[in-house]
Amino acid sequence: MNIPTTIADQIYSTELYEKIEAIGLKHKLHIDIVGALADSIRFVLMGKLKASEFIGDIEKMLQISREQALAIAEDVNKQIF
């Protein structure tokens, strides 16, 4: 999938990663898990993952509880989406 350069620049920006990193710190996620969270967020932003599938995706990918996934998704929605 080709995305416009300006959108790609935003998706891979330092600013976005800092927001994701802050969410990871808040939820006490290991750095590897933060990377997987970043991937899931980017997939939603690029249209490769439906927003409606985001919570289930991070629950499975991060191997966390549904409650944790919901709390993380709430922060992602407020700060990123």
Protein backbone atom coordinates (compact mmCIF):
# COMPACT_ATOMS: atom_id res chain seq x y z
CA MET A 1 0.00 0.00 0.00
CA ASN A 2 1.46 3.33 -1.03
CA ILE A 3 0.69 6.26 1.21
CA PRO A 4 1.50 9.90 0.54
CA THR A 5 4.91 11.02 1.77
CA THR A 6 3.50 13.62 4.16
CA ILE A 7 1.32 11.01 5.85
CA ALA A 8 4.20 8.54 6.02
CA ASP A 9 6.36 11.26 7.58
CA GLN A 10 3.73 11.78 10.28
CA ILE A 11 3.24 8.06 10.89
CA TYR A 12 6.97 7.56 11.42
CA SER A 13 7.58 10.88 13.19
CA THR A 14 9.47 11.28 16.43
CA GLU A 15 6.46 13.11 17.86
CA LEU A 16 4.19 10.11 17.30
CA TYR A 17 6.72 7.69 18.77
CA GLU A 18 7.14 9.92 21.84
CA LYS A 19 3.38 9.79 22.42
CA ILE A 20 3.40 6.02 22.03
CA GLU A 21 6.40 5.73 24.35
CA ALA A 22 4.62 7.87 26.99
CA ILE A 23 1.59 5.58 26.80
CA GLY A 24 3.89 2.60 27.22
CA LEU A 25 5.53 4.15 30.28
CA LYS A 26 2.15 4.98 31.82
CA HIS A 27 1.04 1.37 31.40
CA LYS A 28 4.45 -0.05 32.42
CA LEU A 29 5.02 -1.83 29.11
CA HIS A 30 8.42 -3.30 28.24
CA ILE A 31 10.21 -1.55 25.35
CA ASP A 32 9.60 -4.54 23.03
CA ILE A 33 5.90 -4.35 23.76
CA VAL A 34 5.92 -0.59 23.08
CA GLY A 35 7.35 -1.39 19.64
CA ALA A 36 4.52 -3.83 18.95
CA LEU A 37 2.00 -1.23 20.14
CA ALA A 38 3.58 1.30 17.77
CA ASP A 39 3.20 -1.15 14.90
CA SER A 40 -0.50 -1.69 15.66
CA ILE A 41 -1.11 2.05 15.87
CA ARG A 42 0.68 2.63 12.56
CA PHE A 43 -1.33 -0.16 10.91
CA VAL A 44 -4.54 1.60 11.94
CA LEU A 45 -3.25 4.95 10.69
CA MET A 46 -2.27 3.39 7.35
CA GLY A 47 -5.58 1.55 7.00
CA LYS A 48 -4.03 -1.91 7.27
CA LEU A 49 -5.94 -2.60 10.51
CA LYS A 50 -9.51 -1.53 11.18
CA ALA A 51 -9.92 0.74 14.20
CA SER A 52 -12.66 -1.60 15.41
CA GLU A 53 -10.08 -4.42 15.57
CA PHE A 54 -7.44 -2.39 17.44
CA ILE A 55 -8.31 -3.48 20.99
CA GLY A 56 -8.41 -7.17 20.10
CA ASP A 57 -5.18 -6.81 18.14
CA ILE A 58 -3.22 -5.23 20.96
CA GLU A 59 -4.68 -7.67 23.47
CA LYS A 60 -3.36 -10.55 21.37
CA MET A 61 -0.10 -8.98 20.15
CA LEU A 62 0.91 -7.57 23.54
CA GLN A 63 -0.41 -10.61 25.45
CA ILE A 64 -2.29 -8.43 27.91
CA SER A 65 -5.70 -8.60 29.54
CA ARG A 66 -8.80 -7.12 27.94
CA GLU A 67 -8.89 -4.51 30.71
CA GLN A 68 -5.31 -3.45 29.99
CA ALA A 69 -6.03 -3.31 26.26
CA LEU A 70 -9.07 -1.11 26.89
CA ALA A 71 -7.07 1.26 29.11
CA ILE A 72 -4.27 1.54 26.54
CA ALA A 73 -6.76 2.04 23.71
CA GLU A 74 -8.43 4.85 25.66
CA ASP A 75 -5.08 6.67 25.95
CA VAL A 76 -4.28 6.03 22.29
CA ASN A 77 -7.68 7.42 21.29
CA LYS A 78 -7.15 10.57 23.37
CA GLN A 79 -3.56 11.24 22.35
CA ILE A 80 -3.19 9.85 18.83
CA PHE A 81 -6.44 8.99 17.06
